[in-house]
């Protein structure tokens, strides 16, 4: 169980609104920051799932891993007051 104040819990739940619209972007930045500090860890992740990649038109596409992480972060934020839901 997390030791969070009611104010901290409320802030996390409000963060869910931002994540819903920009979650993959946030997750991509999270991975970019993580791998810039720990490049040796990139070995453990399939490159097709990481960060961003450009498609044939040169447009940046969010990868599956960023989309999955965005969903996990969103669920964590909205259920921060009841994390037992994730035990199932």
Protein backbone atom coordinates (compact mmCIF):
# COMPACT_ATOMS: atom_id res chain seq x y z
CA UNK A 1 0.00 0.00 0.00
CA UNK A 2 1.24 3.47 -0.88
CA UNK A 3 1.62 6.07 1.83
CA UNK A 4 0.08 9.03 0.04
CA UNK A 5 -1.86 11.95 1.37
CA UNK A 6 -5.39 12.59 0.06
CA UNK A 7 -4.00 15.63 -1.79
CA UNK A 8 -1.32 13.50 -3.51
CA UNK A 9 -3.93 10.94 -4.50
CA UNK A 10 -6.16 13.66 -5.94
CA UNK A 11 -3.24 15.10 -7.93
CA UNK A 12 -2.45 11.68 -9.38
CA UNK A 13 -6.06 11.17 -10.40
CA UNK A 14 -6.16 14.60 -12.04
CA UNK A 15 -2.99 13.69 -13.93
CA UNK A 16 -4.98 10.95 -15.65
CA UNK A 17 -6.76 13.59 -17.77
CA UNK A 18 -3.42 14.77 -19.15
CA UNK A 19 -2.26 11.21 -19.75
CA UNK A 20 -5.41 10.31 -21.63
CA UNK A 21 -4.64 12.90 -24.28
CA UNK A 22 -0.83 12.78 -24.27
CA UNK A 23 -0.02 9.42 -22.71
CA UNK A 24 2.02 7.91 -25.55
CA UNK A 25 4.05 11.13 -25.80
CA UNK A 26 4.73 11.05 -22.04
CA UNK A 27 5.64 7.35 -22.15
CA UNK A 28 7.98 7.92 -25.10
CA UNK A 29 9.78 10.70 -23.21
CA UNK A 30 10.00 8.43 -20.18
CA UNK A 31 11.70 5.71 -22.24
CA UNK A 32 13.97 8.25 -23.94
CA UNK A 33 15.07 9.60 -20.54
CA UNK A 34 15.53 6.13 -19.09
CA UNK A 35 17.67 4.90 -21.99
CA UNK A 36 19.76 8.07 -22.10
CA UNK A 37 20.70 7.43 -18.46
CA UNK A 38 20.91 3.62 -18.76
CA UNK A 39 21.81 2.74 -22.35
CA UNK A 40 22.89 -0.72 -21.25
CA UNK A 41 19.24 -1.54 -20.50
CA UNK A 42 18.14 -1.05 -24.11
CA UNK A 43 19.46 -4.54 -24.77
CA UNK A 44 16.55 -5.97 -22.75
CA UNK A 45 13.87 -4.29 -24.87
CA UNK A 46 12.84 -5.13 -28.41
CA UNK A 47 13.65 -2.09 -30.54
CA UNK A 48 10.35 -2.41 -32.42
CA UNK A 49 8.54 -1.57 -29.18
CA UNK A 50 10.61 1.41 -28.04
CA UNK A 51 10.13 5.15 -28.22
CA UNK A 52 9.31 6.56 -31.61
CA UNK A 53 10.05 5.53 -35.14
CA UNK A 54 9.54 7.20 -38.48
CA UNK A 55 7.27 5.60 -41.04
CA UNK A 56 7.81 5.65 -44.81
CA UNK A 57 6.43 9.22 -45.03
CA UNK A 58 8.92 10.40 -42.39
CA UNK A 59 6.11 10.97 -39.87
CA UNK A 60 6.85 9.90 -36.33
CA UNK A 61 4.76 7.00 -35.08
CA UNK A 62 4.31 6.02 -31.47
CA UNK A 63 5.32 2.42 -30.92
CA UNK A 64 3.39 -0.31 -29.16
CA UNK A 65 5.52 -0.14 -26.00
CA UNK A 66 4.78 3.58 -25.55
CA UNK A 67 1.05 2.95 -26.06
CA UNK A 68 1.05 0.10 -23.54
CA UNK A 69 2.99 2.15 -20.98
CA UNK A 70 0.61 5.08 -21.48
CA UNK A 71 -2.33 2.79 -20.73
CA UNK A 72 -0.63 1.41 -17.62
CA UNK A 73 0.19 4.91 -16.34
CA UNK A 74 -3.39 6.05 -16.98
CA UNK A 75 -4.85 3.06 -15.11
CA UNK A 76 -2.42 3.57 -12.25
CA UNK A 77 -3.44 7.23 -11.91
CA UNK A 78 -7.18 6.65 -11.95
CA UNK A 79 -6.97 3.71 -9.52
CA UNK A 80 -4.25 5.09 -7.23
CA UNK A 81 -6.65 4.89 -4.30
CA UNK A 82 -7.40 1.21 -4.95
CA UNK A 83 -4.28 -0.52 -6.27
CA UNK A 84 -5.58 -3.91 -5.13
CA UNK A 85 -7.44 -3.97 -8.48
CA UNK A 86 -4.09 -4.81 -10.09
CA UNK A 87 -3.55 -7.98 -8.06
CA UNK A 88 -5.98 -9.97 -10.19
